[in-house]
Protein backbone atom coordinates (compact mmCIF):
# COMPACT_ATOMS: atom_id res chain seq x y z
CA MET A 1 0.32 -0.01 -0.40
CA ARG A 2 2.89 2.51 0.87
CA ALA A 3 4.12 1.20 -2.50
CA LEU A 4 0.84 2.56 -4.60
CA LYS A 5 0.26 5.46 -2.44
CA TYR A 6 3.82 6.60 -3.60
CA PHE A 7 3.46 5.28 -7.27
CA PHE A 8 -0.09 7.26 -7.47
CA GLY A 9 1.26 10.32 -5.91
CA GLU A 10 4.33 10.65 -7.98
CA ALA A 11 2.06 9.97 -10.89
CA ALA A 12 -0.32 12.55 -10.24
CA SER A 13 2.55 15.50 -9.21
CA SER A 14 4.38 14.58 -12.66
CA LEU A 15 0.75 15.30 -14.49
CA TRP A 16 0.00 18.37 -12.78
CA ARG A 17 3.59 19.67 -14.13
CA GLY A 18 2.94 18.70 -17.40
CA TRP A 19 -0.70 18.61 -17.98
CA ARG A 20 -0.59 20.49 -21.19
CA MET A 21 0.89 17.36 -22.64
CA ALA A 22 -1.07 14.96 -20.46
CA VAL A 23 -4.23 16.86 -21.63
CA LEU A 24 -3.38 16.20 -25.19
CA SER A 25 -2.53 12.29 -24.57
CA THR A 26 -6.13 12.09 -22.32
CA LEU A 27 -7.88 13.73 -25.37
CA THR A 28 -6.26 11.34 -27.78
CA ILE A 29 -6.88 8.44 -26.02
CA ALA A 30 -10.67 9.40 -25.64
CA ALA A 31 -10.72 9.91 -29.22
CA GLY A 32 -9.66 6.90 -30.01
CA LEU A 33 -12.29 5.15 -27.42
CA PHE A 34 -15.03 7.38 -28.60
CA VAL A 35 -14.40 5.79 -31.83
CA LEU A 36 -14.41 2.26 -30.98
CA GLY A 37 -17.58 2.90 -28.90
CA PHE A 38 -19.29 4.75 -31.65
CA PHE A 39 -18.25 1.82 -34.18
CA LEU A 40 -19.57 -0.94 -31.55
CA MET A 41 -23.04 0.83 -31.06
CA VAL A 42 -23.30 1.25 -34.68
CA ASN A 43 -22.44 -2.35 -35.13
CA ALA A 44 -25.12 -3.75 -32.36
CA ASN A 45 -27.88 -1.65 -33.88
CA LEU A 46 -26.78 -3.00 -37.58
CA GLN A 47 -26.86 -6.46 -35.95
CA ARG A 48 -30.20 -5.85 -34.45
CA LEU A 49 -31.52 -4.42 -37.58
CA VAL A 50 -30.35 -7.30 -40.16
CA GLY A 51 -31.62 -10.00 -37.54
CA ARG A 52 -34.93 -8.56 -37.43
CA TRP A 53 -34.87 -8.67 -41.18
CA SER A 54 -33.87 -12.17 -41.27
CA ASP A 55 -36.76 -12.80 -39.36
CA ALA A 56 -39.25 -11.16 -41.11
CA ALA A 57 -37.91 -12.33 -44.85
CA GLU A 58 -40.55 -13.23 -47.27
CA LEU A 59 -41.06 -14.62 -50.87
CA ALA A 60 -43.11 -12.84 -53.04
CA VAL A 61 -44.56 -13.60 -56.32
CA TYR A 62 -45.82 -11.21 -58.65
CA LEU A 63 -48.42 -12.12 -61.42
CA ARG A 64 -48.99 -10.63 -64.86
CA ASP A 65 -51.98 -8.53 -65.30
CA GLU A 66 -53.03 -11.27 -68.04
CA ALA A 67 -52.44 -13.99 -65.32
CA THR A 68 -55.63 -16.68 -65.50
CA PRO A 69 -57.24 -18.19 -62.34
CA ASP A 70 -55.75 -21.64 -63.47
CA GLN A 71 -52.28 -19.87 -63.38
CA ALA A 72 -52.69 -18.75 -60.17
CA ALA A 73 -54.05 -21.88 -58.72
CA ALA A 74 -51.04 -23.63 -60.06
CA ILE A 75 -48.71 -20.92 -58.79
CA ASN A 76 -50.60 -21.49 -55.12
CA GLY A 77 -50.42 -25.32 -55.47
CA VAL A 78 -46.58 -25.34 -55.96
CA LEU A 79 -46.14 -23.09 -52.94
CA GLU A 80 -48.44 -25.10 -50.65
CA ARG A 81 -46.51 -28.27 -51.61
CA SER A 82 -42.96 -26.96 -51.33
CA GLY A 83 -42.75 -27.36 -47.52
CA LEU A 84 -40.56 -23.86 -47.39
CA ALA A 85 -44.31 -21.72 -46.55
CA GLN A 86 -45.30 -21.10 -43.12
CA SER A 87 -48.37 -19.10 -44.84
CA VAL A 88 -49.49 -17.86 -47.83
CA GLN A 89 -51.24 -14.68 -48.67
CA ARG A 90 -52.65 -13.67 -52.14
CA PHE A 91 -53.22 -9.79 -52.80
CA SER A 92 -55.69 -8.49 -55.73
CA LYS A 93 -54.21 -5.61 -57.51
CA ASP A 94 -56.84 -3.68 -55.43
CA ASP A 95 -55.50 -5.29 -52.19
CA ALA A 96 -52.11 -4.00 -53.49
CA ARG A 97 -53.18 -0.75 -53.81
CA SER A 98 -54.34 -0.66 -50.73
CA GLU A 99 -51.24 -1.65 -49.05
CA PHE A 100 -49.57 1.04 -50.47
CA ALA A 101 -51.81 3.74 -49.53
CA ARG A 102 -51.64 2.34 -45.83
CA ASP A 103 -47.93 2.14 -45.92
CA PHE A 104 -47.49 5.16 -47.62
CA PRO A 105 -50.10 7.90 -46.69
CA ASP A 106 -48.44 11.10 -48.47
CA LEU A 107 -48.60 9.23 -51.98
CA ALA A 108 -51.92 7.44 -51.82
CA ALA A 109 -53.85 10.58 -53.43
CA GLY A 110 -51.29 10.21 -56.47
CA ALA A 111 -51.73 6.31 -56.66
CA THR A 112 -55.50 6.40 -56.39
CA SER A 113 -55.75 9.24 -59.16
CA LEU A 114 -54.40 6.93 -62.02
CA GLU A 115 -56.62 5.73 -64.31
CA ARG A 116 -54.93 1.98 -64.40
CA ASN A 117 -53.95 0.33 -61.73
CA PRO A 118 -50.40 0.01 -61.80
CA PHE A 119 -49.93 -2.73 -58.83
CA PRO A 120 -49.81 -6.45 -59.68
CA ALA A 121 -51.36 -9.11 -57.87
CA SER A 122 -49.16 -11.08 -55.57
CA PHE A 123 -48.62 -14.15 -53.50
CA GLU A 124 -46.83 -13.23 -50.03
CA VAL A 125 -44.83 -16.11 -48.64
CA ARG A 126 -44.00 -16.32 -44.88
CA LEU A 127 -41.05 -19.02 -45.05
CA ASN A 128 -40.63 -21.57 -42.41
CA GLU A 129 -37.73 -22.74 -40.26
CA GLN A 130 -36.53 -24.83 -42.71
CA ALA A 131 -36.35 -22.90 -45.35
CA ARG A 132 -33.84 -20.37 -43.54
CA ASP A 133 -31.57 -23.46 -43.05
CA SER A 134 -32.05 -24.64 -46.77
CA THR A 135 -30.60 -21.94 -49.05
CA GLY A 136 -30.89 -24.48 -52.19
CA ALA A 137 -34.40 -25.17 -51.58
CA ILE A 138 -35.33 -21.82 -51.77
CA ASP A 139 -33.11 -21.23 -55.29
CA ASN A 140 -34.79 -24.37 -56.42
CA LEU A 141 -38.21 -22.83 -55.75
CA VAL A 142 -37.63 -19.57 -57.12
CA THR A 143 -36.13 -20.93 -60.38
CA THR A 144 -39.60 -22.95 -60.63
CA LEU A 145 -41.63 -20.15 -59.94
CA ASN A 146 -39.91 -17.84 -62.58
CA GLY A 147 -40.50 -20.60 -65.18
CA MET A 148 -44.57 -20.63 -64.42
CA GLY A 149 -46.79 -18.89 -66.91
CA GLY A 150 -48.47 -15.93 -65.15
CA VAL A 151 -45.22 -15.09 -63.15
CA ALA A 152 -44.24 -11.56 -63.52
CA ASP A 153 -41.52 -11.29 -60.96
CA VAL A 154 -40.32 -13.46 -57.68
CA ARG A 155 -38.71 -11.19 -55.10
CA TYR A 156 -36.98 -13.15 -52.29
CA ASP A 157 -35.41 -10.97 -49.43
CA ARG A 158 -32.93 -12.87 -48.22
CA ARG A 159 -30.64 -12.23 -51.65
CA TRP A 160 -30.21 -8.72 -50.90
CA LEU A 161 -29.76 -9.68 -47.00
CA THR A 162 -26.95 -11.85 -47.71
CA ARG A 163 -25.35 -8.87 -49.52
CA LEU A 164 -26.14 -6.55 -46.96
CA ASN A 165 -24.13 -9.04 -44.12
CA ALA A 166 -21.24 -9.37 -46.89
CA THR A 167 -20.86 -5.29 -47.04
CA ILE A 168 -21.40 -5.39 -43.28
CA ARG A 169 -18.41 -7.87 -42.81
CA VAL A 170 -15.96 -5.71 -44.95
CA VAL A 171 -17.03 -2.34 -43.16
CA ARG A 172 -16.38 -4.32 -39.69
CA GLY A 173 -12.80 -5.13 -40.87
CA LEU A 174 -12.05 -1.96 -42.03
CA GLY A 175 -13.31 -0.56 -38.68
CA LEU A 176 -11.08 -3.03 -36.96
CA VAL A 177 -7.95 -2.01 -38.73
CA ILE A 178 -8.81 1.85 -37.92
CA ILE A 179 -9.33 0.81 -34.41
CA LEU A 180 -5.98 -0.68 -34.26
CA LEU A 181 -4.21 1.95 -35.78
CA LEU A 182 -6.11 4.52 -33.32
CA ALA A 183 -4.99 1.95 -30.21
CA SER A 184 -1.35 2.21 -31.32
CA ALA A 185 -1.39 6.01 -31.71
CA CYS A 186 -3.01 6.21 -28.32
CA ALA A 187 -0.69 3.77 -26.45
CA LEU A 188 2.57 6.26 -28.50
CA THR A 189 0.99 9.35 -27.49
CA VAL A 190 1.11 8.28 -23.90
CA ALA A 191 4.54 6.86 -24.16
CA ASN A 192 5.95 9.86 -25.41
CA VAL A 193 4.23 12.12 -22.67
CA VAL A 194 5.31 9.79 -19.90
CA ARG A 195 8.91 10.01 -21.70
CA LEU A 196 9.05 13.60 -21.37
CA ALA A 197 8.12 13.09 -17.78
CA ALA A 198 10.93 11.00 -17.19
CA ALA A 199 13.28 13.62 -18.83
CA ALA A 200 12.39 16.17 -16.75
CA ARG A 201 12.98 13.82 -13.61
CA ARG A 202 16.39 12.67 -14.94
CA ASP A 203 18.33 14.00 -12.15
CA GLU A 204 15.94 12.52 -9.52
CA ILE A 205 15.96 9.21 -11.04
CA GLU A 206 19.72 9.19 -11.27
CA ILE A 207 20.09 9.98 -7.43
CA MET A 208 17.29 6.93 -6.63
CA GLN A 209 19.86 4.74 -8.37
CA LEU A 210 22.55 5.78 -6.59
CA VAL A 211 21.12 5.79 -3.52
CA GLY A 212 20.13 1.82 -4.48
CA ALA A 213 16.34 2.55 -4.76
CA PRO A 214 14.50 -0.51 -6.17
CA PHE A 215 13.84 -0.33 -9.92
CA GLY A 216 10.01 -1.17 -9.13
CA TYR A 217 10.08 2.18 -6.92
CA ILE A 218 11.77 3.82 -10.28
CA ARG A 219 9.62 2.64 -12.52
CA GLY A 220 6.49 2.31 -11.13
CA PRO A 221 5.34 5.91 -11.35
CA PHE A 222 5.53 6.02 -15.00
CA VAL A 223 3.27 2.69 -15.23
CA VAL A 224 0.50 4.36 -13.09
CA GLU A 225 0.78 8.01 -15.03
CA GLY A 226 0.18 6.06 -18.06
CA PHE A 227 -2.48 4.14 -16.17
CA LEU A 228 -4.35 7.60 -15.02
CA GLN A 229 -3.92 9.24 -18.51
CA GLY A 230 -5.92 6.16 -20.14
CA GLY A 231 -8.52 5.71 -17.50
CA ILE A 232 -9.06 9.16 -17.64
CA GLY A 233 -8.97 9.20 -21.25
CA ALA A 234 -11.59 6.11 -21.53
CA ILE A 235 -13.94 7.75 -18.84
CA PHE A 236 -14.37 11.16 -21.19
CA ALA A 237 -14.88 9.05 -23.86
CA VAL A 238 -17.77 7.00 -22.26
CA VAL A 239 -19.22 10.42 -21.46
CA LEU A 240 -18.90 11.76 -25.06
CA LEU A 241 -20.46 8.42 -26.06
CA LEU A 242 -23.83 8.82 -24.02
CA GLY A 243 -23.81 12.36 -25.19
CA ALA A 244 -24.07 11.35 -28.59
CA PHE A 245 -26.16 8.37 -28.09
CA ALA A 246 -28.49 10.76 -26.58
CA ALA A 247 -28.43 13.01 -29.45
CA VAL A 248 -28.50 10.70 -32.27
CA ARG A 249 -31.79 9.35 -30.28
CA ALA A 250 -33.46 12.35 -30.34
CA ARG A 251 -32.82 13.33 -33.35
CA TYR A 252 -33.24 10.25 -35.28
CA GLY A 253 -35.30 7.75 -32.94
CA ALA A 254 -38.34 8.20 -34.49
CA PHE A 255 -37.07 8.10 -38.21
CA VAL A 256 -35.36 4.79 -37.39
CA SER A 257 -38.21 3.42 -35.59
CA GLU A 258 -40.60 4.39 -38.82
CA ALA A 259 -37.90 3.56 -41.39
CA VAL A 260 -36.38 0.44 -41.03
CA GLY A 261 -38.88 -0.83 -38.18
CA LEU A 262 -36.36 -0.77 -35.17
CA ALA A 263 -37.85 0.05 -32.13
CA GLY A 264 -35.29 2.77 -31.34
CA VAL A 265 -31.45 2.83 -31.27
CA SER A 266 -29.53 0.85 -28.62
CA PHE A 267 -26.91 1.73 -26.80
CA VAL A 268 -23.58 -0.11 -26.16
CA PRO A 269 -24.32 -2.92 -23.26
CA ALA A 270 -22.62 -2.10 -19.80
CA GLU A 271 -20.23 -4.59 -19.96
CA LEU A 272 -18.78 -3.51 -23.13
CA LEU A 273 -18.39 0.12 -21.41
CA VAL A 274 -16.60 -1.62 -18.19
CA LEU A 275 -14.07 -3.05 -21.22
CA LEU A 276 -13.88 0.33 -22.81
CA ILE A 277 -12.62 1.50 -19.66
CA ALA A 278 -10.38 -1.05 -19.08
CA GLY A 279 -9.06 -1.00 -22.55
CA GLY A 280 -8.26 2.45 -22.15
CA MET A 281 -6.52 1.93 -18.77
CA ALA A 282 -4.15 -1.19 -20.62
CA LEU A 283 -3.39 1.34 -23.17
CA GLY A 284 -2.24 3.89 -20.69
CA CYS A 285 -0.01 0.84 -18.57
CA LEU A 286 1.20 -0.49 -22.04
CA GLY A 287 2.54 3.53 -22.73
CA GLY A 288 3.85 3.87 -19.53
CA PHE A 289 5.74 0.57 -19.77
CA ILE A 290 7.08 1.21 -22.63
CA VAL A 291 8.80 4.25 -20.96
CA ALA A 292 9.79 2.24 -17.51
CA ARG A 293 11.58 -0.32 -19.52
CA GLY A 294 14.10 2.27 -20.67
CA VAL A 295 14.98 3.63 -17.85
CA ARG A 296 17.76 2.17 -16.17
């Protein structure tokens, strides 16, 4: 306890003497961790969104205007016998226009004023659990439907969801590279600030070495100094993240709910916030340790 008290006292005194550089180092850590936290928050909400869309993925079969009742019955039979449909619902042209008016009330007047109903009749298919685990069977069903008479188009939501997932994975990879670069910059910034503090205390360190002070007592304050900078920067980053989250939710929360169907923007889980603060402390310790190892 006496050693820890000495380490923290010396580290606090050093930070106070070089507060300008300490503030710069702390802000650098805060900026890096804020980017990491914001990335985690965006990634978590994207995963929620993709998961919700995946659960609601449907197969839609659009009919030609000249499709006959026999052709429509044949299409319905294929869907029912496929073993992939949880439910099959048919919409007439009038039903489709009514659904459009309900979903887009601002455009409803324009759609109803047209002399000809432009919306096609369709079958909306809710897929079951078997379909979610059998992409090949769905592809075969889509191919079969496209070749049937009376079918104008077949839309399968999971195809673009697969592309969206691939895009998210690429963005996540690029984000991780940027985060690693920021983490390296944070550790080096702390190391440089602590190195300046060590240079300012060179005479004091030499005297301690002459009187036989243990290396732990000489190096400890530098590690603690980095630890304090990293911890303060991490806490500041969390505060900024909370402010950014509140601003985004207040500004775009209603839009997100209406546009993409999420109940609201979710924040980073508390466990990740703890890891974020611990990561900031670890980065600070790493920077201080780099300098401490150089002290002889």
